[in-house]
């Protein structure tokens, strides 16, 4: 319930997708909304393009410098890949792309 409440608050302050304000270039559309549940180690996110909430259970991921690897999540056609997404993560070399990349910073 807490995650849904936080997403509700975030949606209320998000800039609608596709809005342009030429006289205010510091305002841009919200592309992603994210919530982290530190007690359960879940990371939730949603795209402005779909009503789906994606989540990753972080407990099973390896973030160690020695053996951890960069992974990406392909959101699928029309961003249809929904929870649980950990099984959909694939190895990927780090780069700038339109995919969520999970890596230890």
PDB file of N, CA and C in Angstrom:
ATOM      1  N   UNK A   1       0.819  -1.189   0.000  1.00  0.00           N
ATOM      2  CA  UNK A   1       0.000   0.000   0.000  1.00  0.00           C
ATOM      3  C   UNK A   1       0.868   1.259   0.000  1.00  0.00           C
ATOM      4  N   UNK A   2       1.992   1.193   0.698  1.00  0.00           N
ATOM      5  CA  UNK A   2       2.879   2.359   0.773  1.00  0.00           C
ATOM      6  C   UNK A   2       3.436   2.710  -0.607  1.00  0.00           C
ATOM      7  N   UNK A   3       3.797   1.701  -1.380  1.00  0.00           N
ATOM      8  CA  UNK A   3       4.341   1.956  -2.719  1.00  0.00           C
ATOM      9  C   UNK A   3       3.299   2.653  -3.582  1.00  0.00           C
ATOM     10  N   UNK A   4       2.066   2.192  -3.535  1.00  0.00           N
ATOM     11  CA  UNK A   4       0.995   2.815  -4.315  1.00  0.00           C
ATOM     12  C   UNK A   4       0.773   4.262  -3.877  1.00  0.00           C
ATOM     13  N   UNK A   5       0.855   4.520  -2.587  1.00  0.00           N
ATOM     14  CA  UNK A   5       0.686   5.884  -2.078  1.00  0.00           C
ATOM     15  C   UNK A   5       1.790   6.798  -2.581  1.00  0.00           C
ATOM     16  N   UNK A   6       3.024   6.303  -2.573  1.00  0.00           N
ATOM     17  CA  UNK A   6       4.149   7.112  -3.046  1.00  0.00           C
ATOM     18  C   UNK A   6       4.015   7.383  -4.543  1.00  0.00           C
ATOM     19  N   UNK A   7       3.641   6.364  -5.321  1.00  0.00           N
ATOM     20  CA  UNK A   7       3.433   6.589  -6.758  1.00  0.00           C
ATOM     21  C   UNK A   7       2.321   7.610  -6.990  1.00  0.00           C
ATOM     22  N   UNK A   8       1.280   7.575  -6.182  1.00  0.00           N
ATOM     23  CA  UNK A   8       0.193   8.532  -6.308  1.00  0.00           C
ATOM     24  C   UNK A   8       0.688   9.962  -6.104  1.00  0.00           C
ATOM     25  N   UNK A   9       1.521  10.165  -5.108  1.00  0.00           N
ATOM     26  CA  UNK A   9       2.074  11.494  -4.844  1.00  0.00           C
ATOM     27  C   UNK A   9       2.981  11.937  -6.001  1.00  0.00           C
ATOM     28  N   UNK A  10       3.830  11.017  -6.465  1.00  0.00           N
ATOM     29  CA  UNK A  10       4.738  11.346  -7.570  1.00  0.00           C
ATOM     30  C   UNK A  10       3.953  11.724  -8.826  1.00  0.00           C
ATOM     31  N   UNK A  11       2.873  10.992  -9.107  1.00  0.00           N
ATOM     32  CA  UNK A  11       2.058  11.300 -10.296  1.00  0.00           C
ATOM     33  C   UNK A  11       1.451  12.696 -10.210  1.00  0.00           C
ATOM     34  N   UNK A  12       1.124  13.119  -9.004  1.00  0.00           N
ATOM     35  CA  UNK A  12       0.524  14.449  -8.834  1.00  0.00           C
ATOM     36  C   UNK A  12       1.495  15.583  -9.142  1.00  0.00           C
ATOM     37  N   UNK A  13       2.785  15.331  -9.053  1.00  0.00           N
ATOM     38  CA  UNK A  13       3.762  16.390  -9.312  1.00  0.00           C
ATOM     39  C   UNK A  13       4.540  16.163 -10.607  1.00  0.00           C
ATOM     40  N   UNK A  14       4.207  15.127 -11.345  1.00  0.00           N
ATOM     41  CA  UNK A  14       4.891  14.853 -12.610  1.00  0.00           C
ATOM     42  C   UNK A  14       4.432  15.812 -13.691  1.00  0.00           C
ATOM     43  N   UNK A  15       5.362  16.165 -14.574  1.00  0.00           N
ATOM     44  CA  UNK A  15       5.027  16.991 -15.733  1.00  0.00           C
ATOM     45  C   UNK A  15       4.462  16.056 -16.802  1.00  0.00           C
ATOM     46  N   UNK A  16       3.279  16.332 -17.345  1.00  0.00           N
ATOM     47  CA  UNK A  16       2.656  15.435 -18.331  1.00  0.00           C
ATOM     48  C   UNK A  16       3.597  15.145 -19.505  1.00  0.00           C
ATOM     49  N   UNK A  17       3.568  13.897 -19.959  1.00  0.00           N
ATOM     50  CA  UNK A  17       4.430  13.475 -21.059  1.00  0.00           C
ATOM     51  C   UNK A  17       4.027  14.211 -22.338  1.00  0.00           C
ATOM     52  N   UNK A  18       5.015  14.743 -23.024  1.00  0.00           N
ATOM     53  CA  UNK A  18       4.797  15.400 -24.308  1.00  0.00           C
ATOM     54  C   UNK A  18       4.552  16.888 -24.214  1.00  0.00           C
ATOM     55  N   UNK A  19       4.443  17.418 -23.011  1.00  0.00           N
ATOM     56  CA  UNK A  19       4.209  18.859 -22.868  1.00  0.00           C
ATOM     57  C   UNK A  19       5.476  19.625 -23.231  1.00  0.00           C
ATOM     58  N   UNK A  20       5.307  20.734 -23.919  1.00  0.00           N
ATOM     59  CA  UNK A  20       6.441  21.596 -24.238  1.00  0.00           C
ATOM     60  C   UNK A  20       6.129  23.014 -23.767  1.00  0.00           C
ATOM     61  N   UNK A  21       7.116  23.647 -23.239  1.00  0.00           N
ATOM     62  CA  UNK A  21       6.989  25.031 -22.786  1.00  0.00           C
ATOM     63  C   UNK A  21       8.224  25.788 -23.263  1.00  0.00           C
ATOM     64  N   UNK A  22       8.198  26.294 -24.490  1.00  0.00           N
ATOM     65  CA  UNK A  22       9.371  26.957 -25.060  1.00  0.00           C
ATOM     66  C   UNK A  22       9.915  28.102 -24.200  1.00  0.00           C
ATOM     67  N   UNK A  23       9.039  28.804 -23.499  1.00  0.00           N
ATOM     68  CA  UNK A  23       9.499  29.918 -22.680  1.00  0.00           C
ATOM     69  C   UNK A  23      10.031  29.475 -21.321  1.00  0.00           C
ATOM     70  N   UNK A  24       9.901  28.162 -21.013  1.00  0.00           N
ATOM     71  CA  UNK A  24      10.417  27.609 -19.757  1.00  0.00           C
ATOM     72  C   UNK A  24      11.199  26.324 -20.054  1.00  0.00           C
ATOM     73  N   UNK A  25      12.416  26.452 -20.582  1.00  0.00           N
ATOM     74  CA  UNK A  25      13.175  25.262 -20.989  1.00  0.00           C
ATOM     75  C   UNK A  25      13.609  24.380 -19.812  1.00  0.00           C
ATOM     76  N   UNK A  26      13.494  24.863 -18.592  1.00  0.00           N
ATOM     77  CA  UNK A  26      13.877  24.057 -17.441  1.00  0.00           C
ATOM     78  C   UNK A  26      12.803  23.027 -17.077  1.00  0.00           C
ATOM     79  N   UNK A  27      11.637  23.098 -17.709  1.00  0.00           N
ATOM     80  CA  UNK A  27      10.563  22.138 -17.453  1.00  0.00           C
ATOM     81  C   UNK A  27      10.559  21.127 -18.589  1.00  0.00           C
ATOM     82  N   UNK A  28      10.624  19.860 -18.255  1.00  0.00           N
ATOM     83  CA  UNK A  28      10.555  18.826 -19.279  1.00  0.00           C
ATOM     84  C   UNK A  28       9.614  17.719 -18.817  1.00  0.00           C
ATOM     85  N   UNK A  29       9.168  16.935 -19.764  1.00  0.00           N
ATOM     86  CA  UNK A  29       8.223  15.855 -19.475  1.00  0.00           C
ATOM     87  C   UNK A  29       8.825  14.818 -18.538  1.00  0.00           C
ATOM     88  N   UNK A  30       7.990  14.272 -17.672  1.00  0.00           N
ATOM     89  CA  UNK A  30       8.404  13.153 -16.829  1.00  0.00           C
ATOM     90  C   UNK A  30       8.403  11.900 -17.676  1.00  0.00           C
ATOM     91  N   UNK A  31       9.542  11.204 -17.732  1.00  0.00           N
ATOM     92  CA  UNK A  31       9.645   9.952 -18.494  1.00  0.00           C
ATOM     93  C   UNK A  31       9.466   8.733 -17.603  1.00  0.00           C
ATOM     94  N   UNK A  32      10.034   8.783 -16.401  1.00  0.00           N
ATOM     95  CA  UNK A  32      10.013   7.654 -15.467  1.00  0.00           C
ATOM     96  C   UNK A  32       9.659   8.139 -14.075  1.00  0.00           C
ATOM     97  N   UNK A  33       8.995   7.286 -13.335  1.00  0.00           N
ATOM     98  CA  UNK A  33       8.762   7.510 -11.913  1.00  0.00           C
ATOM     99  C   UNK A  33       9.286   6.275 -11.199  1.00  0.00           C
ATOM    100  N   UNK A  34      10.062   6.468 -10.144  1.00  0.00           N
ATOM    101  CA  UNK A  34      10.656   5.321  -9.442  1.00  0.00           C
ATOM    102  C   UNK A  34      10.420   5.418  -7.948  1.00  0.00           C
ATOM    103  N   UNK A  35      10.317   4.245  -7.335  1.00  0.00           N
ATOM    104  CA  UNK A  35      10.172   4.125  -5.881  1.00  0.00           C
ATOM    105  C   UNK A  35      11.073   2.981  -5.438  1.00  0.00           C
ATOM    106  N   UNK A  36      11.831   3.203  -4.380  1.00  0.00           N
ATOM    107  CA  UNK A  36      12.690   2.157  -3.816  1.00  0.00           C
ATOM    108  C   UNK A  36      12.147   1.756  -2.452  1.00  0.00           C
ATOM    109  N   UNK A  37      11.945   0.463  -2.264  1.00  0.00           N
ATOM    110  CA  UNK A  37      11.520  -0.074  -0.972  1.00  0.00           C
ATOM    111  C   UNK A  37      12.759  -0.694  -0.324  1.00  0.00           C
ATOM    112  N   UNK A  38      13.382   0.047   0.573  1.00  0.00           N
ATOM    113  CA  UNK A  38      14.634  -0.388   1.173  1.00  0.00           C
ATOM    114  C   UNK A  38      14.458  -1.539   2.161  1.00  0.00           C
ATOM    115  N   UNK A  39      13.289  -1.684   2.742  1.00  0.00           N
ATOM    116  CA  UNK A  39      13.094  -2.774   3.699  1.00  0.00           C
ATOM    117  C   UNK A  39      12.948  -4.126   2.995  1.00  0.00           C
ATOM    118  N   UNK A  40      12.288  -4.152   1.831  1.00  0.00           N
ATOM    119  CA  UNK A  40      12.127  -5.408   1.080  1.00  0.00           C
ATOM    120  C   UNK A  40      13.116  -5.535  -0.071  1.00  0.00           C
ATOM    121  N   UNK A  41      13.918  -4.507  -0.286  1.00  0.00           N
ATOM    122  CA  UNK A  41      14.895  -4.461  -1.379  1.00  0.00           C
ATOM    123  C   UNK A  41      14.233  -4.660  -2.750  1.00  0.00           C
ATOM    124  N   UNK A  42      13.150  -3.913  -2.962  1.00  0.00           N
ATOM    125  CA  UNK A  42      12.471  -3.912  -4.250  1.00  0.00           C
ATOM    126  C   UNK A  42      12.618  -2.521  -4.854  1.00  0.00           C
ATOM    127  N   UNK A  43      12.806  -2.487  -6.170  1.00  0.00           N
ATOM    128  CA  UNK A  43      12.909  -1.230  -6.912  1.00  0.00           C
ATOM    129  C   UNK A  43      11.766  -1.218  -7.923  1.00  0.00           C
ATOM    130  N   UNK A  44      10.879  -0.242  -7.817  1.00  0.00           N
ATOM    131  CA  UNK A  44       9.713  -0.137  -8.671  1.00  0.00           C
ATOM    132  C   UNK A  44       9.895   1.043  -9.620  1.00  0.00           C
ATOM    133  N   UNK A  45       9.404   0.906 -10.830  1.00  0.00           N
ATOM    134  CA  UNK A  45       9.436   2.029 -11.754  1.00  0.00           C
ATOM    135  C   UNK A  45       8.293   1.911 -12.739  1.00  0.00           C
ATOM    136  N   UNK A  46       7.874   3.049 -13.245  1.00  0.00           N
ATOM    137  CA  UNK A  46       6.841   3.050 -14.274  1.00  0.00           C
ATOM    138  C   UNK A  46       7.199   4.092 -15.317  1.00  0.00           C
ATOM    139  N   UNK A  47       6.792   3.805 -16.520  1.00  0.00           N
ATOM    140  CA  UNK A  47       7.022   4.700 -17.637  1.00  0.00           C
ATOM    141  C   UNK A  47       5.822   5.615 -17.794  1.00  0.00           C
ATOM    142  N   UNK A  48       6.057   6.789 -18.328  1.00  0.00           N
ATOM    143  CA  UNK A  48       4.949   7.692 -18.620  1.00  0.00           C
ATOM    144  C   UNK A  48       4.131   7.195 -19.812  1.00  0.00           C
ATOM    145  N   UNK A  49       4.647   6.191 -20.523  1.00  0.00           N
ATOM    146  CA  UNK A  49       3.967   5.699 -21.717  1.00  0.00           C
ATOM    147  C   UNK A  49       2.974   4.582 -21.455  1.00  0.00           C
ATOM    148  N   UNK A  50       3.060   3.931 -20.305  1.00  0.00           N
ATOM    149  CA  UNK A  50       2.151   2.822 -19.998  1.00  0.00           C
ATOM    150  C   UNK A  50       1.736   2.887 -18.527  1.00  0.00           C
ATOM    151  N   UNK A  51       0.623   2.273 -18.191  1.00  0.00           N
ATOM    152  CA  UNK A  51       0.200   2.256 -16.791  1.00  0.00           C
ATOM    153  C   UNK A  51       0.854   1.126 -15.987  1.00  0.00           C
ATOM    154  N   UNK A  52       1.733   0.348 -16.602  1.00  0.00           N
ATOM    155  CA  UNK A  52       2.366  -0.783 -15.928  1.00  0.00           C
ATOM    156  C   UNK A  52       3.411  -0.332 -14.917  1.00  0.00           C
ATOM    157  N   UNK A  53       3.433  -0.988 -13.773  1.00  0.00           N
ATOM    158  CA  UNK A  53       4.504  -0.766 -12.804  1.00  0.00           C
ATOM    159  C   UNK A  53       5.414  -1.976 -12.861  1.00  0.00           C
ATOM    160  N   UNK A  54       6.681  -1.734 -13.141  1.00  0.00           N
ATOM    161  CA  UNK A  54       7.688  -2.776 -13.213  1.00  0.00           C
ATOM    162  C   UNK A  54       8.392  -2.835 -11.867  1.00  0.00           C
ATOM    163  N   UNK A  55       8.893  -3.999 -11.489  1.00  0.00           N
ATOM    164  CA  UNK A  55       9.680  -4.058 -10.270  1.00  0.00           C
ATOM    165  C   UNK A  55      10.772  -5.097 -10.372  1.00  0.00           C
ATOM    166  N   UNK A  56      11.828  -4.837  -9.627  1.00  0.00           N
ATOM    167  CA  UNK A  56      12.977  -5.742  -9.572  1.00  0.00           C
ATOM    168  C   UNK A  56      13.226  -6.081  -8.115  1.00  0.00           C
ATOM    169  N   UNK A  57      13.336  -7.375  -7.836  1.00  0.00           N
ATOM    170  CA  UNK A  57      13.714  -7.832  -6.495  1.00  0.00           C
ATOM    171  C   UNK A  57      15.235  -7.797  -6.449  1.00  0.00           C
ATOM    172  N   UNK A  58      15.786  -6.850  -5.710  1.00  0.00           N
ATOM    173  CA  UNK A  58      17.229  -6.630  -5.688  1.00  0.00           C
ATOM    174  C   UNK A  58      17.990  -7.662  -4.852  1.00  0.00           C
ATOM    175  N   UNK A  59      17.279  -8.474  -4.071  1.00  0.00           N
ATOM    176  CA  UNK A  59      17.947  -9.429  -3.181  1.00  0.00           C
ATOM    177  C   UNK A  59      18.804 -10.440  -3.941  1.00  0.00           C
ATOM    178  N   UNK A  60      18.405 -10.815  -5.120  1.00  0.00           N
ATOM    179  CA  UNK A  60      19.134 -11.837  -5.843  1.00  0.00           C
ATOM    180  C   UNK A  60      20.156 -11.314  -6.829  1.00  0.00           C
ATOM    181  N   UNK A  61      20.352 -10.007  -6.890  1.00  0.00           N
ATOM    182  CA  UNK A  61      21.305  -9.445  -7.847  1.00  0.00           C
ATOM    183  C   UNK A  61      22.686  -9.290  -7.228  1.00  0.00           C
ATOM    184  N   UNK A  62      23.702  -9.497  -8.030  1.00  0.00           N
ATOM    185  CA  UNK A  62      25.095  -9.396  -7.574  1.00  0.00           C
ATOM    186  C   UNK A  62      25.641  -8.023  -7.944  1.00  0.00           C
ATOM    187  N   UNK A  63      25.862  -7.174  -6.927  1.00  0.00           N
ATOM    188  CA  UNK A  63      26.385  -5.834  -7.156  1.00  0.00           C
ATOM    189  C   UNK A  63      27.867  -5.727  -6.808  1.00  0.00           C
ATOM    190  N   UNK A  64      28.512  -6.852  -6.558  1.00  0.00           N
ATOM    191  CA  UNK A  64      29.920  -6.795  -6.160  1.00  0.00           C
ATOM    192  C   UNK A  64      30.797  -6.350  -7.325  1.00  0.00           C
ATOM    193  N   UNK A  65      31.862  -5.643  -7.003  1.00  0.00           N
ATOM    194  CA  UNK A  65      32.781  -5.141  -8.018  1.00  0.00           C
ATOM    195  C   UNK A  65      33.492  -6.302  -8.724  1.00  0.00           C
ATOM    196  N   UNK A  66      33.752  -7.366  -7.993  1.00  0.00           N
ATOM    197  CA  UNK A  66      34.515  -8.497  -8.539  1.00  0.00           C
ATOM    198  C   UNK A  66      33.699  -9.345  -9.510  1.00  0.00           C
ATOM    199  N   UNK A  67      32.468  -9.693  -9.164  1.00  0.00           N
ATOM    200  CA  UNK A  67      31.722 -10.632  -9.998  1.00  0.00           C
ATOM    201  C   UNK A  67      30.412 -10.074 -10.547  1.00  0.00           C
ATOM    202  N   UNK A  68      30.008  -8.892 -10.107  1.00  0.00           N
ATOM    203  CA  UNK A  68      28.769  -8.298 -10.606  1.00  0.00           C
ATOM    204  C   UNK A  68      28.906  -7.905 -12.065  1.00  0.00           C
ATOM    205  N   UNK A  69      27.781  -7.841 -12.762  1.00  0.00           N
ATOM    206  CA  UNK A  69      27.827  -7.454 -14.170  1.00  0.00           C
ATOM    207  C   UNK A  69      26.703  -6.470 -14.464  1.00  0.00           C
ATOM    208  N   UNK A  70      26.922  -5.644 -15.453  1.00  0.00           N
ATOM    209  CA  UNK A  70      25.921  -4.685 -15.897  1.00  0.00           C
ATOM    210  C   UNK A  70      24.833  -5.464 -16.614  1.00  0.00           C
ATOM    211  N   UNK A  71      23.581  -5.107 -16.329  1.00  0.00           N
ATOM    212  CA  UNK A  71      22.459  -5.764 -16.978  1.00  0.00           C
ATOM    213  C   UNK A  71      21.476  -4.706 -17.446  1.00  0.00           C
ATOM    214  N   UNK A  72      20.683  -5.061 -18.441  1.00  0.00           N
ATOM    215  CA  UNK A  72      19.659  -4.129 -18.912  1.00  0.00           C
ATOM    216  C   UNK A  72      18.325  -4.852 -18.934  1.00  0.00           C
ATOM    217  N   UNK A  73      17.287  -4.075 -18.922  1.00  0.00           N
ATOM    218  CA  UNK A  73      15.933  -4.601 -19.009  1.00  0.00           C
ATOM    219  C   UNK A  73      15.309  -4.094 -20.287  1.00  0.00           C
ATOM    220  N   UNK A  74      15.043  -5.007 -21.205  1.00  0.00           N
ATOM    221  CA  UNK A  74      14.330  -4.656 -22.422  1.00  0.00           C
ATOM    222  C   UNK A  74      12.848  -4.661 -22.058  1.00  0.00           C
ATOM    223  N   UNK A  75      12.207  -3.524 -22.151  1.00  0.00           N
ATOM    224  CA  UNK A  75      10.823  -3.422 -21.708  1.00  0.00           C
ATOM    225  C   UNK A  75       9.829  -4.068 -22.665  1.00  0.00           C
ATOM    226  N   UNK A  76      10.292  -4.531 -23.795  1.00  0.00           N
ATOM    227  CA  UNK A  76       9.422  -5.256 -24.708  1.00  0.00           C
ATOM    228  C   UNK A  76       8.574  -4.337 -25.572  1.00  0.00           C
ATOM    229  N   UNK A  77       7.803  -4.971 -26.427  1.00  0.00           N
ATOM    230  CA  UNK A  77       6.910  -4.237 -27.309  1.00  0.00           C
ATOM    231  C   UNK A  77       5.894  -3.485 -26.454  1.00  0.00           C
ATOM    232  N   UNK A  78       5.756  -2.210 -26.714  1.00  0.00           N
ATOM    233  CA  UNK A  78       4.827  -1.350 -25.956  1.00  0.00           C
ATOM    234  C   UNK A  78       5.084  -1.413 -24.456  1.00  0.00           C
ATOM    235  N   UNK A  79       6.323  -1.669 -24.076  1.00  0.00           N
ATOM    236  CA  UNK A  79       6.727  -1.738 -22.669  1.00  0.00           C
ATOM    237  C   UNK A  79       5.801  -2.654 -21.882  1.00  0.00           C
ATOM    238  N   UNK A  80       5.619  -3.866 -22.394  1.00  0.00           N
ATOM    239  CA  UNK A  80       4.640  -4.785 -21.819  1.00  0.00           C
ATOM    240  C   UNK A  80       5.216  -5.775 -20.809  1.00  0.00           C
ATOM    241  N   UNK A  81       6.543  -5.828 -20.650  1.00  0.00           N
ATOM    242  CA  UNK A  81       7.137  -6.759 -19.690  1.00  0.00           C
ATOM    243  C   UNK A  81       6.904  -6.235 -18.272  1.00  0.00           C
ATOM    244  N   UNK A  82       6.022  -6.897 -17.536  1.00  0.00           N
ATOM    245  CA  UNK A  82       5.717  -6.448 -16.186  1.00  0.00           C
ATOM    246  C   UNK A  82       6.169  -7.489 -15.188  1.00  0.00           C
ATOM    247  N   UNK A  83       6.081  -7.156 -13.917  1.00  0.00           N
ATOM    248  CA  UNK A  83       6.682  -7.872 -12.803  1.00  0.00           C
ATOM    249  C   UNK A  83       6.549  -9.377 -12.877  1.00  0.00           C
ATOM    250  N   UNK A  84       7.407 -10.158 -12.227  1.00  0.00           N
ATOM    251  CA  UNK A  84       8.740  -9.749 -11.779  1.00  0.00           C
ATOM    252  C   UNK A  84       9.700  -9.761 -12.949  1.00  0.00           C
ATOM    253  N   UNK A  85      10.553  -8.786 -13.031  1.00  0.00           N
ATOM    254  CA  UNK A  85      11.370  -8.618 -14.225  1.00  0.00           C
ATOM    255  C   UNK A  85      12.786  -9.146 -14.089  1.00  0.00           C
ATOM    256  N   UNK A  86      13.206  -9.600 -12.915  1.00  0.00           N
ATOM    257  CA  UNK A  86      14.591 -10.024 -12.755  1.00  0.00           C
ATOM    258  C   UNK A  86      14.973 -11.112 -13.754  1.00  0.00           C
ATOM    259  N   UNK A  87      14.041 -11.991 -14.078  1.00  0.00           N
ATOM    260  CA  UNK A  87      14.346 -13.061 -15.037  1.00  0.00           C
ATOM    261  C   UNK A  87      14.523 -12.520 -16.449  1.00  0.00           C
ATOM    262  N   UNK A  88      14.109 -11.294 -16.716  1.00  0.00           N
ATOM    263  CA  UNK A  88      14.230 -10.707 -18.046  1.00  0.00           C
ATOM    264  C   UNK A  88      15.521  -9.924 -18.237  1.00  0.00           C
ATOM    265  N   UNK A  89      16.305  -9.728 -17.170  1.00  0.00           N
ATOM    266  CA  UNK A  89      17.552  -8.981 -17.280  1.00  0.00           C
ATOM    267  C   UNK A  89      18.562  -9.785 -18.085  1.00  0.00           C
ATOM    268  N   UNK A  90      19.267  -9.123 -18.974  1.00  0.00           N
ATOM    269  CA  UNK A  90      20.290  -9.781 -19.776  1.00  0.00           C
ATOM    270  C   UNK A  90      21.599  -9.013 -19.638  1.00  0.00           C
ATOM    271  N   UNK A  91      22.730  -9.707 -19.812  1.00  0.00           N
ATOM    272  CA  UNK A  91      24.033  -9.058 -19.712  1.00  0.00           C
ATOM    273  C   UNK A  91      24.176  -8.018 -20.805  1.00  0.00           C
ATOM    274  N   UNK A  92      24.842  -6.923 -20.452  1.00  0.00           N
ATOM    275  CA  UNK A  92      24.967  -5.803 -21.385  1.00  0.00           C
ATOM    276  C   UNK A  92      26.197  -5.010 -21.029  1.00  0.00           C
ATOM    277  N   UNK A  93      26.908  -4.490 -22.026  1.00  0.00           N
ATOM    278  CA  UNK A  93      28.016  -3.590 -21.741  1.00  0.00           C
ATOM    279  C   UNK A  93      27.440  -2.207 -21.454  1.00  0.00           C
ATOM    280  N   UNK A  94      28.057  -1.464 -20.533  1.00  0.00           N
ATOM    281  CA  UNK A  94      27.510  -0.142 -20.182  1.00  0.00           C
ATOM    282  C   UNK A  94      27.546   0.822 -21.357  1.00  0.00           C
ATOM    283  N   UNK A  95      26.441   1.513 -21.585  1.00  0.00           N
ATOM    284  CA  UNK A  95      26.373   2.578 -22.574  1.00  0.00           C
ATOM    285  C   UNK A  95      25.131   3.408 -22.310  1.00  0.00           C
ATOM    286  N   UNK A  96      25.001   4.480 -23.041  1.00  0.00           N
ATOM    287  CA  UNK A  96      23.797   5.300 -22.902  1.00  0.00           C
ATOM    288  C   UNK A  96      22.743   4.759 -23.860  1.00  0.00           C
ATOM    289  N   UNK A  97      21.608   4.369 -23.305  1.00  0.00           N
ATOM    290  CA  UNK A  97      20.529   3.865 -24.148  1.00  0.00           C
ATOM    291  C   UNK A  97      19.202   4.171 -23.489  1.00  0.00           C
ATOM    292  N   UNK A  98      18.144   3.741 -24.114  1.00  0.00           N
ATOM    293  CA  UNK A  98      16.812   4.015 -23.578  1.00  0.00           C
ATOM    294  C   UNK A  98      16.350   2.909 -22.638  1.00  0.00           C
ATOM    295  N   UNK A  99      17.271   2.023 -22.237  1.00  0.00           N
ATOM    296  CA  UNK A  99      16.911   0.941 -21.339  1.00  0.00           C
ATOM    297  C   UNK A  99      17.353   1.245 -19.922  1.00  0.00           C
ATOM    298  N   UNK A 100      16.641   0.702 -18.958  1.00  0.00           N
ATOM    299  CA  UNK A 100      17.073   0.795 -17.565  1.00  0.00           C
ATOM    300  C   UNK A 100      18.302  -0.059 -17.425  1.00  0.00           C
ATOM    301  N   UNK A 101      19.367   0.496 -16.882  1.00  0.00           N
ATOM    302  CA  UNK A 101      20.595  -0.248 -16.667  1.00  0.00           C
ATOM    303  C   UNK A 101      20.847  -0.304 -15.182  1.00  0.00           C
ATOM    304  N   UNK A 102      20.987  -1.515 -14.644  1.00  0.00           N
ATOM    305  CA  UNK A 102      21.246  -1.694 -13.240  1.00  0.00           C
ATOM    306  C   UNK A 102      22.731  -1.951 -13.049  1.00  0.00           C
ATOM    307  N   UNK A 103      23.371  -1.163 -12.234  1.00  0.00           N
ATOM    308  CA  UNK A 103      24.791  -1.328 -12.002  1.00  0.00           C
ATOM    309  C   UNK A 103      25.132  -0.674 -10.669  1.00  0.00           C
ATOM    310  N   UNK A 104      26.126  -1.187 -10.002  1.00  0.00           N
ATOM    311  CA  UNK A 104      26.596  -0.573  -8.772  1.00  0.00           C
ATOM    312  C   UNK A 104      27.320   0.712  -9.127  1.00  0.00           C
ATOM    313  N   UNK A 105      26.949   1.794  -8.465  1.00  0.00           N
ATOM    314  CA  UNK A 105      27.570   3.094  -8.743  1.00  0.00           C
ATOM    315  C   UNK A 105      28.574   3.401  -7.663  1.00  0.00           C
TER     316      UNK A 105
END
